[in-house]
Amino acid sequence: GRDYSMKPYDWLRLDAVGATALYEGEADGADLCALGWARSRGILVR
């Protein structure tokens, strides 16, 4: 959702996944939050 806001535990869960890439839709909310997480971790963003 566009109104979604990540909590610190969301970042921990994403860290635990071992992601190598993030595909996101450039929208507010969940996409923007995930983008911030990926950039802070040096993860490829598409």
ModelCIF file with pLDDT and N, C-alpha, C, O atoms, coordinates in Angstrom:
data_MODEL
#
_entry.id   MODEL 
#
_entity.id                         1 
_entity.type                       polymer 
_entity.pdbx_number_of_molecules   1 
#
_entity_poly.entity_id                      1 
_entity_poly.type                           'polypeptide(L)' 
_entity_poly.nstd_linkage                   no 
_entity_poly.nstd_monomer                   no 
_entity_poly.pdbx_seq_one_letter_code       GRDYSMKPYDWLRLDAVGATALYEGEADGADLCALGWARSRGILVR 
_entity_poly.pdbx_seq_one_letter_code_can   GRDYSMKPYDWLRLDAVGATALYEGEADGADLCALGWARSRGILVR 
_entity_poly.pdbx_strand_id                 A 
#
loop_
_entity_poly_seq.entity_id 
_entity_poly_seq.num 
_entity_poly_seq.mon_id 
_entity_poly_seq.hetero 
1 1  GLY n 
1 2  ARG n 
1 3  ASP n 
1 4  TYR n 
1 5  SER n 
1 6  MET n 
1 7  LYS n 
1 8  PRO n 
1 9  TYR n 
1 10 ASP n 
1 11 TRP n 
1 12 LEU n 
1 13 ARG n 
1 14 LEU n 
1 15 ASP n 
1 16 ALA n 
1 17 VAL n 
1 18 GLY n 
1 19 ALA n 
1 20 THR n 
1 21 ALA n 
1 22 LEU n 
1 23 TYR n 
1 24 GLU n 
1 25 GLY n 
1 26 GLU n 
1 27 ALA n 
1 28 ASP n 
1 29 GLY n 
1 30 ALA n 
1 31 ASP n 
1 32 LEU n 
1 33 CYS n 
1 34 ALA n 
1 35 LEU n 
1 36 GLY n 
1 37 TRP n 
1 38 ALA n 
1 39 ARG n 
1 40 SER n 
1 41 ARG n 
1 42 GLY n 
1 43 ILE n 
1 44 LEU n 
1 45 VAL n 
1 46 ARG n 
#
_struct_asym.id          A 
_struct_asym.entity_id   1 
#
loop_
_ma_qa_metric.id 
_ma_qa_metric.mode 
_ma_qa_metric.name 
_ma_qa_metric.software_group_id 
_ma_qa_metric.type 
1 global pLDDT . pLDDT 
2 local  pLDDT . pLDDT 
#
_ma_qa_metric_global.metric_id      1 
_ma_qa_metric_global.metric_value   90.54 
_ma_qa_metric_global.model_id       1 
_ma_qa_metric_global.ordinal_id     1 
#
loop_
_ma_qa_metric_local.label_asym_id 
_ma_qa_metric_local.label_comp_id 
_ma_qa_metric_local.label_seq_id 
_ma_qa_metric_local.metric_id 
_ma_qa_metric_local.metric_value 
_ma_qa_metric_local.model_id 
_ma_qa_metric_local.ordinal_id 
A GLY 1  2 78.00 1 1  
A ARG 2  2 79.00 1 2  
A ASP 3  2 83.00 1 3  
A TYR 4  2 83.00 1 4  
A SER 5  2 82.00 1 5  
A MET 6  2 84.00 1 6  
A LYS 7  2 86.00 1 7  
A PRO 8  2 86.00 1 8  
A TYR 9  2 88.00 1 9  
A ASP 10 2 88.00 1 10 
A TRP 11 2 89.00 1 11 
A LEU 12 2 90.00 1 12 
A ARG 13 2 90.00 1 13 
A LEU 14 2 90.00 1 14 
A ASP 15 2 93.00 1 15 
A ALA 16 2 94.00 1 16 
A VAL 17 2 91.00 1 17 
A GLY 18 2 89.00 1 18 
A ALA 19 2 91.00 1 19 
A THR 20 2 93.00 1 20 
A ALA 21 2 95.00 1 21 
A LEU 22 2 95.00 1 22 
A TYR 23 2 95.00 1 23 
A GLU 24 2 93.00 1 24 
A GLY 25 2 90.00 1 25 
A GLU 26 2 89.00 1 26 
A ALA 27 2 86.00 1 27 
A ASP 28 2 88.00 1 28 
A GLY 29 2 90.00 1 29 
A ALA 30 2 89.00 1 30 
A ASP 31 2 92.00 1 31 
A LEU 32 2 92.00 1 32 
A CYS 33 2 91.00 1 33 
A ALA 34 2 92.00 1 34 
A LEU 35 2 94.00 1 35 
A GLY 36 2 93.00 1 36 
A TRP 37 2 94.00 1 37 
A ALA 38 2 95.00 1 38 
A ARG 39 2 96.00 1 39 
A SER 40 2 95.00 1 40 
A ARG 41 2 95.00 1 41 
A GLY 42 2 96.00 1 42 
A ILE 43 2 96.00 1 43 
A LEU 44 2 96.00 1 44 
A VAL 45 2 96.00 1 45 
A ARG 46 2 95.00 1 46 
#
loop_
_atom_site.group_PDB 
_atom_site.id 
_atom_site.type_symbol 
_atom_site.label_atom_id 
_atom_site.label_alt_id 
_atom_site.label_comp_id 
_atom_site.label_asym_id 
_atom_site.label_entity_id 
_atom_site.label_seq_id 
_atom_site.pdbx_PDB_ins_code 
_atom_site.Cartn_x 
_atom_site.Cartn_y 
_atom_site.Cartn_z 
_atom_site.occupancy 
_atom_site.B_iso_or_equiv 
_atom_site.pdbx_formal_charge 
_atom_site.auth_seq_id 
_atom_site.auth_comp_id 
_atom_site.auth_asym_id 
_atom_site.auth_atom_id 
_atom_site.pdbx_PDB_model_num 
ATOM 1   N N  . GLY A 1 1  ? 0.793  -1.211  0.000   1.00 78.00 ? 1  GLY A N  1 
ATOM 2   C CA . GLY A 1 1  ? 0.000  0.000   0.000   1.00 78.00 ? 1  GLY A CA 1 
ATOM 3   C C  . GLY A 1 1  ? 0.829  1.266   0.000   1.00 78.00 ? 1  GLY A C  1 
ATOM 4   O O  . GLY A 1 1  ? 1.976  1.289   0.447   1.00 78.00 ? 1  GLY A O  1 
ATOM 5   N N  . ARG A 1 2  ? 0.222  2.307   -0.509  1.00 79.00 ? 2  ARG A N  1 
ATOM 6   C CA . ARG A 1 2  ? 0.884  3.618   -0.554  1.00 79.00 ? 2  ARG A CA 1 
ATOM 7   C C  . ARG A 1 2  ? 0.948  4.283   0.815   1.00 79.00 ? 2  ARG A C  1 
ATOM 8   O O  . ARG A 1 2  ? 1.691  5.247   1.000   1.00 79.00 ? 2  ARG A O  1 
ATOM 9   N N  . ASP A 1 3  ? 0.186  3.786   1.766   1.00 83.00 ? 3  ASP A N  1 
ATOM 10  C CA . ASP A 1 3  ? 0.189  4.342   3.117   1.00 83.00 ? 3  ASP A CA 1 
ATOM 11  C C  . ASP A 1 3  ? 1.069  3.530   4.065   1.00 83.00 ? 3  ASP A C  1 
ATOM 12  O O  . ASP A 1 3  ? 1.143  3.841   5.254   1.00 83.00 ? 3  ASP A O  1 
ATOM 13  N N  . TYR A 1 4  ? 1.735  2.495   3.554   1.00 83.00 ? 4  TYR A N  1 
ATOM 14  C CA . TYR A 1 4  ? 2.529  1.617   4.399   1.00 83.00 ? 4  TYR A CA 1 
ATOM 15  C C  . TYR A 1 4  ? 3.793  2.330   4.866   1.00 83.00 ? 4  TYR A C  1 
ATOM 16  O O  . TYR A 1 4  ? 4.411  3.079   4.109   1.00 83.00 ? 4  TYR A O  1 
ATOM 17  N N  . SER A 1 5  ? 4.162  2.093   6.092   1.00 82.00 ? 5  SER A N  1 
ATOM 18  C CA . SER A 1 5  ? 5.383  2.622   6.664   1.00 82.00 ? 5  SER A CA 1 
ATOM 19  C C  . SER A 1 5  ? 6.114  1.478   7.358   1.00 82.00 ? 5  SER A C  1 
ATOM 20  O O  . SER A 1 5  ? 5.540  0.806   8.215   1.00 82.00 ? 5  SER A O  1 
ATOM 21  N N  . MET A 1 6  ? 7.364  1.254   6.998   1.00 84.00 ? 6  MET A N  1 
ATOM 22  C CA . MET A 1 6  ? 8.133  0.155   7.586   1.00 84.00 ? 6  MET A CA 1 
ATOM 23  C C  . MET A 1 6  ? 8.493  0.446   9.031   1.00 84.00 ? 6  MET A C  1 
ATOM 24  O O  . MET A 1 6  ? 8.714  1.588   9.435   1.00 84.00 ? 6  MET A O  1 
ATOM 25  N N  . LYS A 1 7  ? 8.540  -0.620  9.778   1.00 86.00 ? 7  LYS A N  1 
ATOM 26  C CA . LYS A 1 7  ? 8.982  -0.585  11.171  1.00 86.00 ? 7  LYS A CA 1 
ATOM 27  C C  . LYS A 1 7  ? 10.384 -1.202  11.227  1.00 86.00 ? 7  LYS A C  1 
ATOM 28  O O  . LYS A 1 7  ? 10.783 -1.900  10.296  1.00 86.00 ? 7  LYS A O  1 
ATOM 29  N N  . PRO A 1 8  ? 11.129 -0.957  12.297  1.00 86.00 ? 8  PRO A N  1 
ATOM 30  C CA . PRO A 1 8  ? 12.491 -1.522  12.385  1.00 86.00 ? 8  PRO A CA 1 
ATOM 31  C C  . PRO A 1 8  ? 12.525 -3.040  12.193  1.00 86.00 ? 8  PRO A C  1 
ATOM 32  O O  . PRO A 1 8  ? 13.468 -3.558  11.594  1.00 86.00 ? 8  PRO A O  1 
ATOM 33  N N  . TYR A 1 9  ? 11.522 -3.755  12.685  1.00 88.00 ? 9  TYR A N  1 
ATOM 34  C CA . TYR A 1 9  ? 11.537 -5.213  12.518  1.00 88.00 ? 9  TYR A CA 1 
ATOM 35  C C  . TYR A 1 9  ? 11.339 -5.622  11.060  1.00 88.00 ? 9  TYR A C  1 
ATOM 36  O O  . TYR A 1 9  ? 11.747 -6.715  10.666  1.00 88.00 ? 9  TYR A O  1 
ATOM 37  N N  . ASP A 1 10 ? 10.716 -4.755  10.252  1.00 88.00 ? 10 ASP A N  1 
ATOM 38  C CA . ASP A 1 10 ? 10.598 -5.070  8.822   1.00 88.00 ? 10 ASP A CA 1 
ATOM 39  C C  . ASP A 1 10 ? 11.977 -5.106  8.172   1.00 88.00 ? 10 ASP A C  1 
ATOM 40  O O  . ASP A 1 10 ? 12.255 -5.972  7.343   1.00 88.00 ? 10 ASP A O  1 
ATOM 41  N N  . TRP A 1 11 ? 12.836 -4.168  8.549   1.00 89.00 ? 11 TRP A N  1 
ATOM 42  C CA . TRP A 1 11 ? 14.194 -4.146  8.012   1.00 89.00 ? 11 TRP A CA 1 
ATOM 43  C C  . TRP A 1 11 ? 14.940 -5.404  8.432   1.00 89.00 ? 11 TRP A C  1 
ATOM 44  O O  . TRP A 1 11 ? 15.678 -5.986  7.637   1.00 89.00 ? 11 TRP A O  1 
ATOM 45  N N  . LEU A 1 12 ? 14.751 -5.821  9.675   1.00 90.00 ? 12 LEU A N  1 
ATOM 46  C CA . LEU A 1 12 ? 15.416 -7.039  10.156  1.00 90.00 ? 12 LEU A CA 1 
ATOM 47  C C  . LEU A 1 12 ? 14.945 -8.265  9.386   1.00 90.00 ? 12 LEU A C  1 
ATOM 48  O O  . LEU A 1 12 ? 15.747 -9.136  9.048   1.00 90.00 ? 12 LEU A O  1 
ATOM 49  N N  . ARG A 1 13 ? 13.658 -8.332  9.111   1.00 90.00 ? 13 ARG A N  1 
ATOM 50  C CA . ARG A 1 13 ? 13.123 -9.458  8.337   1.00 90.00 ? 13 ARG A CA 1 
ATOM 51  C C  . ARG A 1 13 ? 13.686 -9.459  6.924   1.00 90.00 ? 13 ARG A C  1 
ATOM 52  O O  . ARG A 1 13 ? 14.063 -10.508 6.401   1.00 90.00 ? 13 ARG A O  1 
ATOM 53  N N  . LEU A 1 14 ? 13.741 -8.287  6.309   1.00 90.00 ? 14 LEU A N  1 
ATOM 54  C CA . LEU A 1 14 ? 14.314 -8.211  4.957   1.00 90.00 ? 14 LEU A CA 1 
ATOM 55  C C  . LEU A 1 14 ? 15.796 -8.583  4.977   1.00 90.00 ? 14 LEU A C  1 
ATOM 56  O O  . LEU A 1 14 ? 16.274 -9.263  4.069   1.00 90.00 ? 14 LEU A O  1 
ATOM 57  N N  . ASP A 1 15 ? 16.522 -8.147  5.998   1.00 93.00 ? 15 ASP A N  1 
ATOM 58  C CA . ASP A 1 15 ? 17.930 -8.526  6.125   1.00 93.00 ? 15 ASP A CA 1 
ATOM 59  C C  . ASP A 1 15 ? 18.086 -10.041 6.194   1.00 93.00 ? 15 ASP A C  1 
ATOM 60  O O  . ASP A 1 15 ? 19.023 -10.597 5.620   1.00 93.00 ? 15 ASP A O  1 
ATOM 61  N N  . ALA A 1 16 ? 17.176 -10.706 6.889   1.00 94.00 ? 16 ALA A N  1 
ATOM 62  C CA . ALA A 1 16 ? 17.261 -12.158 7.085   1.00 94.00 ? 16 ALA A CA 1 
ATOM 63  C C  . ALA A 1 16 ? 17.007 -12.939 5.803   1.00 94.00 ? 16 ALA A C  1 
ATOM 64  O O  . ALA A 1 16 ? 17.416 -14.095 5.694   1.00 94.00 ? 16 ALA A O  1 
ATOM 65  N N  . VAL A 1 17 ? 16.341 -12.328 4.837   1.00 91.00 ? 17 VAL A N  1 
ATOM 66  C CA . VAL A 1 17 ? 16.009 -13.010 3.582   1.00 91.00 ? 17 VAL A CA 1 
ATOM 67  C C  . VAL A 1 17 ? 17.253 -13.257 2.732   1.00 91.00 ? 17 VAL A C  1 
ATOM 68  O O  . VAL A 1 17 ? 17.316 -14.239 1.992   1.00 91.00 ? 17 VAL A O  1 
ATOM 69  N N  . GLY A 1 18 ? 18.226 -12.384 2.835   1.00 89.00 ? 18 GLY A N  1 
ATOM 70  C CA . GLY A 1 18 ? 19.419 -12.534 2.014   1.00 89.00 ? 18 GLY A CA 1 
ATOM 71  C C  . GLY A 1 18 ? 19.188 -12.089 0.583   1.00 89.00 ? 18 GLY A C  1 
ATOM 72  O O  . GLY A 1 18 ? 19.637 -12.744 -0.358  1.00 89.00 ? 18 GLY A O  1 
ATOM 73  N N  . ALA A 1 19 ? 18.496 -10.986 0.419   1.00 91.00 ? 19 ALA A N  1 
ATOM 74  C CA . ALA A 1 19 ? 18.144 -10.493 -0.914  1.00 91.00 ? 19 ALA A CA 1 
ATOM 75  C C  . ALA A 1 19 ? 19.370 -10.052 -1.705  1.00 91.00 ? 19 ALA A C  1 
ATOM 76  O O  . ALA A 1 19 ? 20.316 -9.490  -1.154  1.00 91.00 ? 19 ALA A O  1 
ATOM 77  N N  . THR A 1 20 ? 19.332 -10.318 -2.997  1.00 93.00 ? 20 THR A N  1 
ATOM 78  C CA . THR A 1 20 ? 20.366 -9.834  -3.907  1.00 93.00 ? 20 THR A CA 1 
ATOM 79  C C  . THR A 1 20 ? 19.830 -8.729  -4.801  1.00 93.00 ? 20 THR A C  1 
ATOM 80  O O  . THR A 1 20 ? 20.605 -8.001  -5.420  1.00 93.00 ? 20 THR A O  1 
ATOM 81  N N  . ALA A 1 21 ? 18.501 -8.597  -4.874  1.00 95.00 ? 21 ALA A N  1 
ATOM 82  C CA . ALA A 1 21 ? 17.887 -7.565  -5.700  1.00 95.00 ? 21 ALA A CA 1 
ATOM 83  C C  . ALA A 1 21 ? 16.502 -7.228  -5.157  1.00 95.00 ? 21 ALA A C  1 
ATOM 84  O O  . ALA A 1 21 ? 15.845 -8.051  -4.519  1.00 95.00 ? 21 ALA A O  1 
ATOM 85  N N  . LEU A 1 22 ? 16.079 -5.995  -5.428  1.00 95.00 ? 22 LEU A N  1 
ATOM 86  C CA . LEU A 1 22 ? 14.743 -5.533  -5.091  1.00 95.00 ? 22 LEU A CA 1 
ATOM 87  C C  . LEU A 1 22 ? 14.086 -5.037  -6.366  1.00 95.00 ? 22 LEU A C  1 
ATOM 88  O O  . LEU A 1 22 ? 14.653 -4.210  -7.081  1.00 95.00 ? 22 LEU A O  1 
ATOM 89  N N  . TYR A 1 23 ? 12.912 -5.530  -6.647  1.00 95.00 ? 23 TYR A N  1 
ATOM 90  C CA . TYR A 1 23 ? 12.090 -5.014  -7.745  1.00 95.00 ? 23 TYR A CA 1 
ATOM 91  C C  . TYR A 1 23 ? 10.978 -4.203  -7.096  1.00 95.00 ? 23 TYR A C  1 
ATOM 92  O O  . TYR A 1 23 ? 10.254 -4.707  -6.237  1.00 95.00 ? 23 TYR A O  1 
ATOM 93  N N  . GLU A 1 24 ? 10.842 -2.939  -7.509  1.00 93.00 ? 24 GLU A N  1 
ATOM 94  C CA . GLU A 1 24 ? 9.868  -2.059  -6.874  1.00 93.00 ? 24 GLU A CA 1 
ATOM 95  C C  . GLU A 1 24 ? 9.235  -1.137  -7.905  1.00 93.00 ? 24 GLU A C  1 
ATOM 96  O O  . GLU A 1 24 ? 9.785  -0.915  -8.984  1.00 93.00 ? 24 GLU A O  1 
ATOM 97  N N  . GLY A 1 25 ? 8.072  -0.607  -7.553  1.00 90.00 ? 25 GLY A N  1 
ATOM 98  C CA . GLY A 1 25 ? 7.272  0.148   -8.504  1.00 90.00 ? 25 GLY A CA 1 
ATOM 99  C C  . GLY A 1 25 ? 7.376  1.646   -8.443  1.00 90.00 ? 25 GLY A C  1 
ATOM 100 O O  . GLY A 1 25 ? 6.586  2.341   -9.082  1.00 90.00 ? 25 GLY A O  1 
ATOM 101 N N  . GLU A 1 26 ? 8.333  2.174   -7.691  1.00 89.00 ? 26 GLU A N  1 
ATOM 102 C CA . GLU A 1 26 ? 8.540  3.615   -7.581  1.00 89.00 ? 26 GLU A CA 1 
ATOM 103 C C  . GLU A 1 26 ? 7.292  4.350   -7.095  1.00 89.00 ? 26 GLU A C  1 
ATOM 104 O O  . GLU A 1 26 ? 6.998  5.453   -7.555  1.00 89.00 ? 26 GLU A O  1 
ATOM 105 N N  . ALA A 1 27 ? 6.565  3.739   -6.169  1.00 86.00 ? 27 ALA A N  1 
ATOM 106 C CA . ALA A 1 27 ? 5.377  4.365   -5.595  1.00 86.00 ? 27 ALA A CA 1 
ATOM 107 C C  . ALA A 1 27 ? 5.663  4.728   -4.140  1.00 86.00 ? 27 ALA A C  1 
ATOM 108 O O  . ALA A 1 27 ? 6.605  4.219   -3.533  1.00 86.00 ? 27 ALA A O  1 
ATOM 109 N N  . ASP A 1 28 ? 4.843  5.607   -3.599  1.00 88.00 ? 28 ASP A N  1 
ATOM 110 C CA . ASP A 1 28 ? 4.945  5.934   -2.179  1.00 88.00 ? 28 ASP A CA 1 
ATOM 111 C C  . ASP A 1 28 ? 4.613  4.699   -1.352  1.00 88.00 ? 28 ASP A C  1 
ATOM 112 O O  . ASP A 1 28 ? 4.086  3.719   -1.879  1.00 88.00 ? 28 ASP A O  1 
ATOM 113 N N  . GLY A 1 29 ? 4.912  4.743   -0.083  1.00 90.00 ? 29 GLY A N  1 
ATOM 114 C CA . GLY A 1 29 ? 4.542  3.657   0.819   1.00 90.00 ? 29 GLY A CA 1 
ATOM 115 C C  . GLY A 1 29 ? 5.537  2.517   0.799   1.00 90.00 ? 29 GLY A C  1 
ATOM 116 O O  . GLY A 1 29 ? 6.739  2.722   0.968   1.00 90.00 ? 29 GLY A O  1 
ATOM 117 N N  . ALA A 1 30 ? 5.027  1.312   0.591   1.00 89.00 ? 30 ALA A N  1 
ATOM 118 C CA . ALA A 1 30 ? 5.846  0.096   0.671   1.00 89.00 ? 30 ALA A CA 1 
ATOM 119 C C  . ALA A 1 30 ? 7.035  0.128   -0.282  1.00 89.00 ? 30 ALA A C  1 
ATOM 120 O O  . ALA A 1 30 ? 8.143  -0.258  0.092   1.00 89.00 ? 30 ALA A O  1 
ATOM 121 N N  . ASP A 1 31 ? 6.812  0.585   -1.506  1.00 92.00 ? 31 ASP A N  1 
ATOM 122 C CA . ASP A 1 31 ? 7.896  0.619   -2.487  1.00 92.00 ? 31 ASP A CA 1 
ATOM 123 C C  . ASP A 1 31 ? 9.019  1.552   -2.030  1.00 92.00 ? 31 ASP A C  1 
ATOM 124 O O  . ASP A 1 31 ? 10.193 1.183   -2.063  1.00 92.00 ? 31 ASP A O  1 
ATOM 125 N N  . LEU A 1 32 ? 8.657  2.745   -1.611  1.00 92.00 ? 32 LEU A N  1 
ATOM 126 C CA . LEU A 1 32 ? 9.643  3.730   -1.177  1.00 92.00 ? 32 LEU A CA 1 
ATOM 127 C C  . LEU A 1 32 ? 10.392 3.250   0.068   1.00 92.00 ? 32 LEU A C  1 
ATOM 128 O O  . LEU A 1 32 ? 11.602 3.446   0.183   1.00 92.00 ? 32 LEU A O  1 
ATOM 129 N N  . CYS A 1 33 ? 9.673  2.625   0.993   1.00 91.00 ? 33 CYS A N  1 
ATOM 130 C CA . CYS A 1 33 ? 10.319 2.073   2.191   1.00 91.00 ? 33 CYS A CA 1 
ATOM 131 C C  . CYS A 1 33 ? 11.324 0.984   1.821   1.00 91.00 ? 33 CYS A C  1 
ATOM 132 O O  . CYS A 1 33 ? 12.451 0.978   2.316   1.00 91.00 ? 33 CYS A O  1 
ATOM 133 N N  . ALA A 1 34 ? 10.919 0.079   0.963   1.00 92.00 ? 34 ALA A N  1 
ATOM 134 C CA . ALA A 1 34 ? 11.801 -1.008  0.541   1.00 92.00 ? 34 ALA A CA 1 
ATOM 135 C C  . ALA A 1 34 ? 13.004 -0.466  -0.228  1.00 92.00 ? 34 ALA A C  1 
ATOM 136 O O  . ALA A 1 34 ? 14.112 -0.989  -0.109  1.00 92.00 ? 34 ALA A O  1 
ATOM 137 N N  . LEU A 1 35 ? 12.778 0.573   -1.007  1.00 94.00 ? 35 LEU A N  1 
ATOM 138 C CA . LEU A 1 35 ? 13.871 1.200   -1.748  1.00 94.00 ? 35 LEU A CA 1 
ATOM 139 C C  . LEU A 1 35 ? 14.923 1.753   -0.782  1.00 94.00 ? 35 LEU A C  1 
ATOM 140 O O  . LEU A 1 35 ? 16.122 1.572   -0.996  1.00 94.00 ? 35 LEU A O  1 
ATOM 141 N N  . GLY A 1 36 ? 14.478 2.417   0.264   1.00 93.00 ? 36 GLY A N  1 
ATOM 142 C CA . GLY A 1 36 ? 15.409 2.937   1.268   1.00 93.00 ? 36 GLY A CA 1 
ATOM 143 C C  . GLY A 1 36 ? 16.215 1.827   1.911   1.00 93.00 ? 36 GLY A C  1 
ATOM 144 O O  . GLY A 1 36 ? 17.423 1.955   2.110   1.00 93.00 ? 36 GLY A O  1 
ATOM 145 N N  . TRP A 1 37 ? 15.534 0.732   2.236   1.00 94.00 ? 37 TRP A N  1 
ATOM 146 C CA . TRP A 1 37 ? 16.226 -0.419  2.822   1.00 94.00 ? 37 TRP A CA 1 
ATOM 147 C C  . TRP A 1 37 ? 17.280 -0.950  1.860   1.00 94.00 ? 37 TRP A C  1 
ATOM 148 O O  . TRP A 1 37 ? 18.428 -1.156  2.253   1.00 94.00 ? 37 TRP A O  1 
ATOM 149 N N  . ALA A 1 38 ? 16.901 -1.175  0.600   1.00 95.00 ? 38 ALA A N  1 
ATOM 150 C CA . ALA A 1 38 ? 17.824 -1.757  -0.379  1.00 95.00 ? 38 ALA A CA 1 
ATOM 151 C C  . ALA A 1 38 ? 19.031 -0.857  -0.620  1.00 95.00 ? 38 ALA A C  1 
ATOM 152 O O  . ALA A 1 38 ? 20.165 -1.333  -0.672  1.00 95.00 ? 38 ALA A O  1 
ATOM 153 N N  . ARG A 1 39 ? 18.788 0.425   -0.764  1.00 96.00 ? 39 ARG A N  1 
ATOM 154 C CA . ARG A 1 39 ? 19.909 1.353   -0.988  1.00 96.00 ? 39 ARG A CA 1 
ATOM 155 C C  . ARG A 1 39 ? 20.859 1.376   0.201   1.00 96.00 ? 39 ARG A C  1 
ATOM 156 O O  . ARG A 1 39 ? 22.075 1.453   0.026   1.00 96.00 ? 39 ARG A O  1 
ATOM 157 N N  . SER A 1 40 ? 20.311 1.311   1.403   1.00 95.00 ? 40 SER A N  1 
ATOM 158 C CA . SER A 1 40 ? 21.176 1.338   2.587   1.00 95.00 ? 40 SER A CA 1 
ATOM 159 C C  . SER A 1 40 ? 22.019 0.080   2.715   1.00 95.00 ? 40 SER A C  1 
ATOM 160 O O  . SER A 1 40 ? 23.028 0.071   3.420   1.00 95.00 ? 40 SER A O  1 
ATOM 161 N N  . ARG A 1 41 ? 21.608 -0.982  2.034   1.00 95.00 ? 41 ARG A N  1 
ATOM 162 C CA . ARG A 1 41 ? 22.318 -2.261  2.094   1.00 95.00 ? 41 ARG A CA 1 
ATOM 163 C C  . ARG A 1 41 ? 23.150 -2.535  0.832   1.00 95.00 ? 41 ARG A C  1 
ATOM 164 O O  . ARG A 1 41 ? 23.821 -3.563  0.740   1.00 95.00 ? 41 ARG A O  1 
ATOM 165 N N  . GLY A 1 42 ? 23.102 -1.620  -0.131  1.00 96.00 ? 42 GLY A N  1 
ATOM 166 C CA . GLY A 1 42 ? 23.848 -1.815  -1.375  1.00 96.00 ? 42 GLY A CA 1 
ATOM 167 C C  . GLY A 1 42 ? 23.260 -2.897  -2.263  1.00 96.00 ? 42 GLY A C  1 
ATOM 168 O O  . GLY A 1 42 ? 23.976 -3.531  -3.038  1.00 96.00 ? 42 GLY A O  1 
ATOM 169 N N  . ILE A 1 43 ? 21.964 -3.105  -2.150  1.00 96.00 ? 43 ILE A N  1 
ATOM 170 C CA . ILE A 1 43 ? 21.279 -4.144  -2.925  1.00 96.00 ? 43 ILE A CA 1 
ATOM 171 C C  . ILE A 1 43 ? 20.809 -3.565  -4.251  1.00 96.00 ? 43 ILE A C  1 
ATOM 172 O O  . ILE A 1 43 ? 20.296 -2.447  -4.300  1.00 96.00 ? 43 ILE A O  1 
ATOM 173 N N  . LEU A 1 44 ? 20.984 -4.318  -5.311  1.00 96.00 ? 44 LEU A N  1 
ATOM 174 C CA . LEU A 1 44 ? 20.545 -3.917  -6.645  1.00 96.00 ? 44 LEU A CA 1 
ATOM 175 C C  . LEU A 1 44 ? 19.063 -3.600  -6.633  1.00 96.00 ? 44 LEU A C  1 
ATOM 176 O O  . LEU A 1 44 ? 18.270 -4.361  -6.078  1.00 96.00 ? 44 LEU A O  1 
ATOM 177 N N  . VAL A 1 45 ? 18.675 -2.474  -7.246  1.00 96.00 ? 45 VAL A N  1 
ATOM 178 C CA . VAL A 1 45 ? 17.273 -2.077  -7.332  1.00 96.00 ? 45 VAL A CA 1 
ATOM 179 C C  . VAL A 1 45 ? 16.875 -2.021  -8.798  1.00 96.00 ? 45 VAL A C  1 
ATOM 180 O O  . VAL A 1 45 ? 17.560 -1.416  -9.623  1.00 96.00 ? 45 VAL A O  1 
ATOM 181 N N  . ARG A 1 46 ? 15.761 -2.662  -9.104  1.00 95.00 ? 46 ARG A N  1 
ATOM 182 C CA . ARG A 1 46 ? 15.219 -2.622  -10.464 1.00 95.00 ? 46 ARG A CA 1 
ATOM 183 C C  . ARG A 1 46 ? 13.830 -1.992  -10.394 1.00 95.00 ? 46 ARG A C  1 
ATOM 184 O O  . ARG A 1 46 ? 13.165 -1.848  -11.420 1.00 95.00 ? 46 ARG A O  1 
#
